Amino acid sequence: MSDTPIRSVFFISDGTGITAETLGHSLLAQFPESRMRQIRIPFVDDLDKAIDCANQIREAHASDGARPIVFSTLVNPETVAALRKADALFLDLFERFIGPLETELGQRSTHTVGRFHGIADSMDYKNRIEAINFAMAHDDGVSSDGELAEADVILVGVSRSGKTPTSLYLAVQFGVKAANYPLIPEDFDRNKLPGELHIYRNKLFGLSISPERLSQIRQERRPNSRYASLDNCRYEIDAAQKLMRRENIRWLDSTTKSIEEISATILQNVRLVRPVY
């Protein structure tokens, strides 16, 4: 694999570039033997910036000795035309989808830069900010009586099993209000869920993790402690899984899953209704 030449991949957008990068990564993941140098160029919203991008693509072609790959979500025909003058595999993600949508909807696209924000921000942005604030205010079991009624989902699991990052990802990406509670040895001794969680059983979702991975993560936080020892991690994971099974809580093992996969599974299982735009 080290002999495989490196090829430059550009993700170019008139916005943040996240859409182009996300779709591009999904496609490139199908070619694990390839070596890619990835460059994201956001906010290409005028002709001069598009010309600069085309020059960067040409320079990458000369440096790599191979045509770069360009994933674009530009909507302005003038900037698209400027980019196409560079010798590259040009994958216009909007062009590929806008035409079929125009046909299906019987409407012409506006081809307006940043149009998504005009539609979604008024409904979506406020929801996401509220969800982020909620996740931060209800992290690691910090909740007053009755506050959990506002939660869309409540994540449970042992300390360092991925509850906090998952809660924040759900908030940022989907506007989901996620609280999280740690399951600790005292809960296992009492043989019951902490606090008032039993009231919100339909909102609970559990995260587990392999003892080896948990021990590795905890060693970084508290080296050579009982908290991080493999034996203790095995005990906590086993006890937490038994508690979740007994309480009929849906759960998954997060060891080998990305935060995107974890979140998608939670959304599917809890069956949260997303806003309509």
C-alpha atoms as a PDB file:
ATOM      1  CA  MET A   1       0.000   0.000   0.000  1.00  0.00           C
ATOM      2  CA  SER A   2       2.944   2.365   0.659  1.00  0.00           C
ATOM      3  CA  ASP A   3       3.766   2.194  -3.075  1.00  0.00           C
ATOM      4  CA  THR A   4       0.318   3.517  -3.996  1.00  0.00           C
ATOM      5  CA  PRO A   5       0.634   7.116  -5.222  1.00  0.00           C
ATOM      6  CA  ILE A   6      -1.055   9.819  -3.216  1.00  0.00           C
ATOM      7  CA  ARG A   7      -3.880  11.599  -4.996  1.00  0.00           C
ATOM      8  CA  SER A   8      -5.327  14.946  -3.929  1.00  0.00           C
ATOM      9  CA  VAL A   9      -9.041  15.137  -3.184  1.00  0.00           C
ATOM     10  CA  PHE A  10     -10.771  18.509  -2.966  1.00  0.00           C
ATOM     11  CA  PHE A  11     -14.090  19.189  -1.214  1.00  0.00           C
ATOM     12  CA  ILE A  12     -15.284  22.533  -2.551  1.00  0.00           C
ATOM     13  CA  SER A  13     -18.395  24.393  -1.484  1.00  0.00           C
ATOM     14  CA  ASP A  14     -19.961  27.838  -1.375  1.00  0.00           C
ATOM     15  CA  GLY A  15     -20.847  27.045   2.253  1.00  0.00           C
ATOM     16  CA  THR A  16     -18.978  25.186   4.979  1.00  0.00           C
ATOM     17  CA  GLY A  17     -18.019  22.223   2.792  1.00  0.00           C
ATOM     18  CA  ILE A  18     -19.362  19.720   5.300  1.00  0.00           C
ATOM     19  CA  THR A  19     -21.904  18.254   2.875  1.00  0.00           C
ATOM     20  CA  ALA A  20     -19.319  17.735   0.134  1.00  0.00           C
ATOM     21  CA  GLU A  21     -16.859  16.253   2.621  1.00  0.00           C
ATOM     22  CA  THR A  22     -19.411  13.913   4.188  1.00  0.00           C
ATOM     23  CA  LEU A  23     -20.636  12.554   0.864  1.00  0.00           C
ATOM     24  CA  GLY A  24     -17.093  12.362  -0.479  1.00  0.00           C
ATOM     25  CA  HIS A  25     -15.852  10.420   2.535  1.00  0.00           C
ATOM     26  CA  SER A  26     -18.698   7.934   2.162  1.00  0.00           C
ATOM     27  CA  LEU A  27     -17.669   7.250  -1.434  1.00  0.00           C
ATOM     28  CA  LEU A  28     -13.910   7.189  -0.837  1.00  0.00           C
ATOM     29  CA  ALA A  29     -14.348   4.709   2.019  1.00  0.00           C
ATOM     30  CA  GLN A  30     -15.141   2.127  -0.662  1.00  0.00           C
ATOM     31  CA  PHE A  31     -11.530   2.347  -1.869  1.00  0.00           C
ATOM     32  CA  PRO A  32      -9.420   1.498   1.204  1.00  0.00           C
ATOM     33  CA  GLU A  33      -6.272   0.805  -0.818  1.00  0.00           C
ATOM     34  CA  SER A  34      -6.131   4.356  -2.155  1.00  0.00           C
ATOM     35  CA  ARG A  35      -4.044   7.062  -0.485  1.00  0.00           C
ATOM     36  CA  MET A  36      -5.707  10.452  -0.466  1.00  0.00           C
ATOM     37  CA  ARG A  37      -4.560  13.933   0.476  1.00  0.00           C
ATOM     38  CA  GLN A  38      -7.776  15.710   1.431  1.00  0.00           C
ATOM     39  CA  ILE A  39      -8.314  19.453   1.088  1.00  0.00           C
ATOM     40  CA  ARG A  40     -11.559  21.188   2.089  1.00  0.00           C
ATOM     41  CA  ILE A  41     -12.120  24.658   0.590  1.00  0.00           C
ATOM     42  CA  PRO A  42     -15.282  26.325   1.944  1.00  0.00           C
ATOM     43  CA  PHE A  43     -17.028  29.588   1.038  1.00  0.00           C
ATOM     44  CA  VAL A  44     -16.136  29.611  -2.663  1.00  0.00           C
ATOM     45  CA  ASP A  45     -18.894  32.095  -3.414  1.00  0.00           C
ATOM     46  CA  ASP A  46     -17.475  34.219  -6.252  1.00  0.00           C
ATOM     47  CA  LEU A  47     -15.566  33.815  -9.497  1.00  0.00           C
ATOM     48  CA  ASP A  48     -12.180  34.924  -8.139  1.00  0.00           C
ATOM     49  CA  LYS A  49     -12.272  32.281  -5.420  1.00  0.00           C
ATOM     50  CA  ALA A  50     -13.256  29.636  -7.961  1.00  0.00           C
ATOM     51  CA  ILE A  51     -10.310  30.601 -10.172  1.00  0.00           C
ATOM     52  CA  ASP A  52      -7.976  30.311  -7.154  1.00  0.00           C
ATOM     53  CA  CYS A  53      -9.392  26.833  -6.482  1.00  0.00           C
ATOM     54  CA  ALA A  54      -8.785  25.811 -10.085  1.00  0.00           C
ATOM     55  CA  ASN A  55      -5.166  26.925  -9.761  1.00  0.00           C
ATOM     56  CA  GLN A  56      -4.752  24.851  -6.587  1.00  0.00           C
ATOM     57  CA  ILE A  57      -6.163  21.840  -8.417  1.00  0.00           C
ATOM     58  CA  ARG A  58      -3.685  22.324 -11.268  1.00  0.00           C
ATOM     59  CA  GLU A  59      -0.794  22.587  -8.802  1.00  0.00           C
ATOM     60  CA  ALA A  60      -1.917  19.375  -7.075  1.00  0.00           C
ATOM     61  CA  HIS A  61      -2.067  17.637 -10.466  1.00  0.00           C
ATOM     62  CA  ALA A  62       1.506  18.667 -11.221  1.00  0.00           C
ATOM     63  CA  SER A  63       2.710  17.643  -7.764  1.00  0.00           C
ATOM     64  CA  ASP A  64       0.927  14.284  -7.592  1.00  0.00           C
ATOM     65  CA  GLY A  65       1.353  13.285 -11.205  1.00  0.00           C
ATOM     66  CA  ALA A  66      -2.318  12.262 -11.239  1.00  0.00           C
ATOM     67  CA  ARG A  67      -5.617  14.027 -11.759  1.00  0.00           C
ATOM     68  CA  PRO A  68      -7.122  15.282  -8.495  1.00  0.00           C
ATOM     69  CA  ILE A  69     -10.654  14.323  -7.527  1.00  0.00           C
ATOM     70  CA  VAL A  70     -13.050  17.190  -6.846  1.00  0.00           C
ATOM     71  CA  PHE A  71     -16.299  16.864  -4.890  1.00  0.00           C
ATOM     72  CA  SER A  72     -18.298  20.056  -5.384  1.00  0.00           C
ATOM     73  CA  THR A  73     -21.533  21.413  -3.984  1.00  0.00           C
ATOM     74  CA  LEU A  74     -21.271  24.766  -5.774  1.00  0.00           C
ATOM     75  CA  VAL A  75     -24.569  25.985  -7.224  1.00  0.00           C
ATOM     76  CA  ASN A  76     -23.464  29.078  -9.162  1.00  0.00           C
ATOM     77  CA  PRO A  77     -22.952  28.064 -12.828  1.00  0.00           C
ATOM     78  CA  GLU A  78     -20.171  30.643 -13.260  1.00  0.00           C
ATOM     79  CA  THR A  79     -18.049  29.298 -10.398  1.00  0.00           C
ATOM     80  CA  VAL A  80     -18.726  25.718 -11.496  1.00  0.00           C
ATOM     81  CA  ALA A  81     -17.545  26.535 -15.031  1.00  0.00           C
ATOM     82  CA  ALA A  82     -14.327  28.066 -13.671  1.00  0.00           C
ATOM     83  CA  LEU A  83     -13.580  24.943 -11.646  1.00  0.00           C
ATOM     84  CA  ARG A  84     -14.229  22.640 -14.573  1.00  0.00           C
ATOM     85  CA  LYS A  85     -11.359  24.271 -16.493  1.00  0.00           C
ATOM     86  CA  ALA A  86      -8.904  22.474 -14.213  1.00  0.00           C
ATOM     87  CA  ASP A  87      -8.022  18.929 -15.280  1.00  0.00           C
ATOM     88  CA  ALA A  88      -9.656  16.826 -12.568  1.00  0.00           C
ATOM     89  CA  LEU A  89     -12.339  14.219 -11.993  1.00  0.00           C
ATOM     90  CA  PHE A  90     -15.105  16.682 -11.228  1.00  0.00           C
ATOM     91  CA  LEU A  91     -18.044  15.254  -9.252  1.00  0.00           C
ATOM     92  CA  ASP A  92     -20.781  17.865  -9.065  1.00  0.00           C
ATOM     93  CA  LEU A  93     -22.976  16.567  -6.270  1.00  0.00           C
ATOM     94  CA  PHE A  94     -25.714  19.168  -6.743  1.00  0.00           C
ATOM     95  CA  GLU A  95     -25.905  18.715 -10.501  1.00  0.00           C
ATOM     96  CA  ARG A  96     -26.357  14.981 -10.030  1.00  0.00           C
ATOM     97  CA  PHE A  97     -29.396  15.455  -7.784  1.00  0.00           C
ATOM     98  CA  ILE A  98     -30.958  18.801  -8.706  1.00  0.00           C
ATOM     99  CA  GLY A  99     -32.068  17.705 -12.199  1.00  0.00           C
ATOM    100  CA  PRO A 100     -34.037  14.647 -11.047  1.00  0.00           C
ATOM    101  CA  LEU A 101     -35.578  16.703  -8.231  1.00  0.00           C
ATOM    102  CA  GLU A 102     -36.665  19.428 -10.657  1.00  0.00           C
ATOM    103  CA  THR A 103     -38.328  16.779 -12.827  1.00  0.00           C
ATOM    104  CA  GLU A 104     -40.039  15.069  -9.911  1.00  0.00           C
ATOM    105  CA  LEU A 105     -41.248  18.272  -8.227  1.00  0.00           C
ATOM    106  CA  GLY A 106     -42.150  20.052 -11.447  1.00  0.00           C
ATOM    107  CA  GLN A 107     -40.202  23.112 -10.327  1.00  0.00           C
ATOM    108  CA  ARG A 108     -36.989  24.865 -11.288  1.00  0.00           C
ATOM    109  CA  SER A 109     -34.266  25.083  -8.670  1.00  0.00           C
ATOM    110  CA  THR A 110     -33.343  28.589  -7.516  1.00  0.00           C
ATOM    111  CA  HIS A 111     -29.602  27.752  -7.742  1.00  0.00           C
ATOM    112  CA  THR A 112     -29.203  30.172  -4.845  1.00  0.00           C
ATOM    113  CA  VAL A 113     -26.043  30.051  -2.742  1.00  0.00           C
ATOM    114  CA  GLY A 114     -26.697  29.172   0.903  1.00  0.00           C
ATOM    115  CA  ARG A 115     -30.394  28.532   0.283  1.00  0.00           C
ATOM    116  CA  PHE A 116     -30.483  25.783   2.911  1.00  0.00           C
ATOM    117  CA  HIS A 117     -29.909  28.290   5.681  1.00  0.00           C
ATOM    118  CA  GLY A 118     -32.821  30.453   4.570  1.00  0.00           C
ATOM    119  CA  ILE A 119     -35.174  27.486   4.909  1.00  0.00           C
ATOM    120  CA  ALA A 120     -33.855  25.713   7.960  1.00  0.00           C
ATOM    121  CA  ASP A 121     -32.305  28.251  10.293  1.00  0.00           C
ATOM    122  CA  SER A 122     -35.512  29.715  11.670  1.00  0.00           C
ATOM    123  CA  MET A 123     -36.734  26.267  12.746  1.00  0.00           C
ATOM    124  CA  ASP A 124     -33.600  24.216  13.097  1.00  0.00           C
ATOM    125  CA  TYR A 125     -30.905  26.506  14.457  1.00  0.00           C
ATOM    126  CA  LYS A 126     -32.861  27.484  17.551  1.00  0.00           C
ATOM    127  CA  ASN A 127     -33.702  23.818  18.228  1.00  0.00           C
ATOM    128  CA  ARG A 128     -30.051  22.814  17.985  1.00  0.00           C
ATOM    129  CA  ILE A 129     -28.876  25.558  20.338  1.00  0.00           C
ATOM    130  CA  GLU A 130     -31.550  24.583  22.859  1.00  0.00           C
ATOM    131  CA  ALA A 131     -30.565  20.915  22.520  1.00  0.00           C
ATOM    132  CA  ILE A 132     -26.864  21.708  23.052  1.00  0.00           C
ATOM    133  CA  ASN A 133     -27.664  23.718  26.168  1.00  0.00           C
ATOM    134  CA  PHE A 134     -29.881  20.889  27.405  1.00  0.00           C
ATOM    135  CA  ALA A 135     -27.181  18.254  26.843  1.00  0.00           C
ATOM    136  CA  MET A 136     -24.585  20.318  28.715  1.00  0.00           C
ATOM    137  CA  ALA A 137     -26.982  21.073  31.582  1.00  0.00           C
ATOM    138  CA  HIS A 138     -27.983  17.404  31.939  1.00  0.00           C
ATOM    139  CA  ASP A 139     -24.600  15.733  31.567  1.00  0.00           C
ATOM    140  CA  ASP A 140     -23.432  12.934  33.846  1.00  0.00           C
ATOM    141  CA  GLY A 141     -26.603  12.714  35.922  1.00  0.00           C
ATOM    142  CA  VAL A 142     -27.010  16.434  36.600  1.00  0.00           C
ATOM    143  CA  SER A 143     -30.795  16.817  36.542  1.00  0.00           C
ATOM    144  CA  SER A 144     -33.393  18.140  38.926  1.00  0.00           C
ATOM    145  CA  ASP A 145     -36.716  16.446  39.555  1.00  0.00           C
ATOM    146  CA  GLY A 146     -39.011  16.768  36.567  1.00  0.00           C
ATOM    147  CA  GLU A 147     -36.407  18.179  34.163  1.00  0.00           C
ATOM    148  CA  LEU A 148     -35.972  14.870  32.374  1.00  0.00           C
ATOM    149  CA  ALA A 149     -39.527  15.170  31.081  1.00  0.00           C
ATOM    150  CA  GLU A 150     -38.080  17.505  28.413  1.00  0.00           C
ATOM    151  CA  ALA A 151     -35.512  14.948  27.260  1.00  0.00           C
ATOM    152  CA  ASP A 152     -35.979  13.206  23.922  1.00  0.00           C
ATOM    153  CA  VAL A 153     -33.609  10.434  25.005  1.00  0.00           C
ATOM    154  CA  ILE A 154     -31.675   9.555  28.170  1.00  0.00           C
ATOM    155  CA  LEU A 155     -28.413   7.680  27.694  1.00  0.00           C
ATOM    156  CA  VAL A 156     -27.185   5.345  30.440  1.00  0.00           C
ATOM    157  CA  GLY A 157     -23.976   3.386  30.807  1.00  0.00           C
ATOM    158  CA  VAL A 158     -20.803   3.125  32.848  1.00  0.00           C
ATOM    159  CA  SER A 159     -18.442   6.073  33.086  1.00  0.00           C
ATOM    160  CA  ARG A 160     -16.484   6.748  29.854  1.00  0.00           C
ATOM    161  CA  SER A 161     -18.649   4.578  27.623  1.00  0.00           C
ATOM    162  CA  GLY A 162     -19.376   7.434  25.189  1.00  0.00           C
ATOM    163  CA  LYS A 163     -22.506   9.006  26.652  1.00  0.00           C
ATOM    164  CA  THR A 164     -21.386  12.641  26.672  1.00  0.00           C
ATOM    165  CA  PRO A 165     -19.995  12.873  23.117  1.00  0.00           C
ATOM    166  CA  THR A 166     -23.035  11.023  21.802  1.00  0.00           C
ATOM    167  CA  SER A 167     -25.389  13.395  23.637  1.00  0.00           C
ATOM    168  CA  LEU A 168     -23.636  16.411  22.158  1.00  0.00           C
ATOM    169  CA  TYR A 169     -23.554  14.906  18.653  1.00  0.00           C
ATOM    170  CA  LEU A 170     -27.291  14.226  18.795  1.00  0.00           C
ATOM    171  CA  ALA A 171     -27.835  17.830  19.867  1.00  0.00           C
ATOM    172  CA  VAL A 172     -25.564  19.444  17.277  1.00  0.00           C
ATOM    173  CA  GLN A 173     -26.569  17.311  14.304  1.00  0.00           C
ATOM    174  CA  PHE A 174     -30.230  16.607  14.986  1.00  0.00           C
ATOM    175  CA  GLY A 175     -31.461  19.033  17.644  1.00  0.00           C
ATOM    176  CA  VAL A 176     -32.182  16.094  19.960  1.00  0.00           C
ATOM    177  CA  LYS A 177     -32.377  16.871  23.675  1.00  0.00           C
ATOM    178  CA  ALA A 178     -30.258  14.111  25.212  1.00  0.00           C
ATOM    179  CA  ALA A 179     -29.496  13.713  28.903  1.00  0.00           C
ATOM    180  CA  ASN A 180     -27.109  11.091  30.216  1.00  0.00           C
ATOM    181  CA  TYR A 181     -26.680   9.209  33.472  1.00  0.00           C
ATOM    182  CA  PRO A 182     -23.696   7.137  34.628  1.00  0.00           C
ATOM    183  CA  LEU A 183     -24.318   3.667  36.037  1.00  0.00           C
ATOM    184  CA  ILE A 184     -22.053   3.294  39.068  1.00  0.00           C
ATOM    185  CA  PRO A 185     -21.276   0.507  41.588  1.00  0.00           C
ATOM    186  CA  GLU A 186     -23.818   1.936  44.052  1.00  0.00           C
ATOM    187  CA  ASP A 187     -26.549   1.375  41.458  1.00  0.00           C
ATOM    188  CA  PHE A 188     -25.431  -2.229  41.015  1.00  0.00           C
ATOM    189  CA  ASP A 189     -25.436  -2.769  44.802  1.00  0.00           C
ATOM    190  CA  ARG A 190     -28.982  -1.358  45.039  1.00  0.00           C
ATOM    191  CA  ASN A 191     -29.923  -3.381  41.964  1.00  0.00           C
ATOM    192  CA  LYS A 192     -31.949  -0.472  40.549  1.00  0.00           C
ATOM    193  CA  LEU A 193     -31.711   2.495  38.218  1.00  0.00           C
ATOM    194  CA  PRO A 194     -30.470   5.780  39.681  1.00  0.00           C
ATOM    195  CA  GLY A 195     -32.724   8.696  40.522  1.00  0.00           C
ATOM    196  CA  GLU A 196     -36.057   8.977  38.742  1.00  0.00           C
ATOM    197  CA  LEU A 197     -34.977   7.142  35.595  1.00  0.00           C
ATOM    198  CA  HIS A 198     -37.589   4.421  36.047  1.00  0.00           C
ATOM    199  CA  ILE A 199     -40.280   7.028  35.329  1.00  0.00           C
ATOM    200  CA  TYR A 200     -38.805   7.637  31.873  1.00  0.00           C
ATOM    201  CA  ARG A 201     -38.095   4.045  30.916  1.00  0.00           C
ATOM    202  CA  ASN A 202     -39.351   4.577  27.343  1.00  0.00           C
ATOM    203  CA  LYS A 203     -36.695   7.273  26.822  1.00  0.00           C
ATOM    204  CA  LEU A 204     -33.744   5.220  28.064  1.00  0.00           C
ATOM    205  CA  PHE A 205     -31.026   3.896  25.787  1.00  0.00           C
ATOM    206  CA  GLY A 206     -27.875   2.171  27.012  1.00  0.00           C
ATOM    207  CA  LEU A 207     -24.275   2.307  25.819  1.00  0.00           C
ATOM    208  CA  SER A 208     -21.802  -0.434  26.618  1.00  0.00           C
ATOM    209  CA  ILE A 209     -18.160  -0.962  25.654  1.00  0.00           C
ATOM    210  CA  SER A 210     -15.548  -3.695  25.831  1.00  0.00           C
ATOM    211  CA  PRO A 211     -13.700  -3.886  29.183  1.00  0.00           C
ATOM    212  CA  GLU A 212     -10.337  -3.669  27.406  1.00  0.00           C
ATOM    213  CA  ARG A 213     -11.249  -0.467  25.590  1.00  0.00           C
ATOM    214  CA  LEU A 214     -12.838   1.013  28.711  1.00  0.00           C
ATOM    215  CA  SER A 215      -9.703   0.295  30.733  1.00  0.00           C
ATOM    216  CA  GLN A 216      -7.572   1.968  28.059  1.00  0.00           C
ATOM    217  CA  ILE A 217      -9.744   5.090  28.084  1.00  0.00           C
ATOM    218  CA  ARG A 218      -9.815   5.294  31.873  1.00  0.00           C
ATOM    219  CA  GLN A 219      -6.045   4.798  32.132  1.00  0.00           C
ATOM    220  CA  GLU A 220      -5.645   8.055  30.247  1.00  0.00           C
ATOM    221  CA  ARG A 221      -7.742   9.811  32.867  1.00  0.00           C
ATOM    222  CA  ARG A 222      -6.648   8.034  36.061  1.00  0.00           C
ATOM    223  CA  PRO A 223      -3.528   5.945  35.398  1.00  0.00           C
ATOM    224  CA  ASN A 224      -2.993   2.818  37.532  1.00  0.00           C
ATOM    225  CA  SER A 225      -6.188   3.368  39.536  1.00  0.00           C
ATOM    226  CA  ARG A 226      -8.767   0.784  40.549  1.00  0.00           C
ATOM    227  CA  TYR A 227     -11.224   2.838  38.462  1.00  0.00           C
ATOM    228  CA  ALA A 228      -9.161   2.027  35.363  1.00  0.00           C
ATOM    229  CA  SER A 229      -8.170  -1.537  36.208  1.00  0.00           C
ATOM    230  CA  LEU A 230      -9.262  -4.218  33.768  1.00  0.00           C
ATOM    231  CA  ASP A 231     -10.872  -6.309  36.523  1.00  0.00           C
ATOM    232  CA  ASN A 232     -12.987  -3.371  37.693  1.00  0.00           C
ATOM    233  CA  CYS A 233     -13.961  -2.490  34.127  1.00  0.00           C
ATOM    234  CA  ARG A 234     -15.053  -6.083  33.547  1.00  0.00           C
ATOM    235  CA  TYR A 235     -17.142  -6.001  36.719  1.00  0.00           C
ATOM    236  CA  GLU A 236     -18.838  -2.680  35.867  1.00  0.00           C
ATOM    237  CA  ILE A 237     -19.590  -3.649  32.265  1.00  0.00           C
ATOM    238  CA  ASP A 238     -21.040  -7.011  33.286  1.00  0.00           C
ATOM    239  CA  ALA A 239     -23.141  -5.475  36.059  1.00  0.00           C
ATOM    240  CA  ALA A 240     -24.372  -2.653  33.805  1.00  0.00           C
ATOM    241  CA  GLN A 241     -25.423  -5.053  31.060  1.00  0.00           C
ATOM    242  CA  LYS A 242     -27.272  -7.243  33.544  1.00  0.00           C
ATOM    243  CA  LEU A 243     -29.069  -4.185  34.933  1.00  0.00           C
ATOM    244  CA  MET A 244     -30.044  -2.981  31.452  1.00  0.00           C
ATOM    245  CA  ARG A 245     -31.335  -6.427  30.488  1.00  0.00           C
ATOM    246  CA  ARG A 246     -33.326  -6.704  33.701  1.00  0.00           C
ATOM    247  CA  GLU A 247     -34.829  -3.247  33.194  1.00  0.00           C
ATOM    248  CA  ASN A 248     -35.531  -4.017  29.517  1.00  0.00           C
ATOM    249  CA  ILE A 249     -33.401  -1.105  28.300  1.00  0.00           C
ATOM    250  CA  ARG A 250     -32.319  -1.098  24.666  1.00  0.00           C
ATOM    251  CA  TRP A 251     -28.535  -0.833  24.373  1.00  0.00           C
ATOM    252  CA  LEU A 252     -25.601  -1.323  22.040  1.00  0.00           C
ATOM    253  CA  ASP A 253     -21.865  -1.945  22.283  1.00  0.00           C
ATOM    254  CA  SER A 254     -20.053   1.229  21.209  1.00  0.00           C
ATOM    255  CA  THR A 255     -16.563  -0.322  21.042  1.00  0.00           C
ATOM    256  CA  THR A 256     -16.223  -0.555  17.270  1.00  0.00           C
ATOM    257  CA  LYS A 257     -18.900   1.933  16.236  1.00  0.00           C
ATOM    258  CA  SER A 258     -18.457   5.527  15.149  1.00  0.00           C
ATOM    259  CA  ILE A 259     -20.436   8.245  16.872  1.00  0.00           C
ATOM    260  CA  GLU A 260     -22.468   8.595  13.665  1.00  0.00           C
ATOM    261  CA  GLU A 261     -23.423   4.896  13.776  1.00  0.00           C
ATOM    262  CA  ILE A 262     -24.266   5.080  17.469  1.00  0.00           C
ATOM    263  CA  SER A 263     -26.475   8.133  16.947  1.00  0.00           C
ATOM    264  CA  ALA A 264     -28.246   6.630  13.935  1.00  0.00           C
ATOM    265  CA  THR A 265     -29.036   3.500  15.962  1.00  0.00           C
ATOM    266  CA  ILE A 266     -30.393   5.575  18.840  1.00  0.00           C
ATOM    267  CA  LEU A 267     -32.596   7.644  16.524  1.00  0.00           C
ATOM    268  CA  GLN A 268     -33.963   4.483  14.944  1.00  0.00           C
ATOM    269  CA  ASN A 269     -34.643   2.690  18.214  1.00  0.00           C
ATOM    270  CA  VAL A 270     -36.102   5.581  20.152  1.00  0.00           C
ATOM    271  CA  ARG A 271     -38.056   6.544  17.017  1.00  0.00           C
ATOM    272  CA  LEU A 272     -37.682  10.273  17.442  1.00  0.00           C
ATOM    273  CA  VAL A 273     -39.753  12.341  15.041  1.00  0.00           C
ATOM    274  CA  ARG A 274     -37.599  14.824  13.150  1.00  0.00           C
ATOM    275  CA  PRO A 275     -38.840  18.311  12.242  1.00  0.00           C
ATOM    276  CA  VAL A 276     -40.483  18.819   8.846  1.00  0.00           C
ATOM    277  CA  TYR A 277     -38.882  21.559   6.667  1.00  0.00           C
END
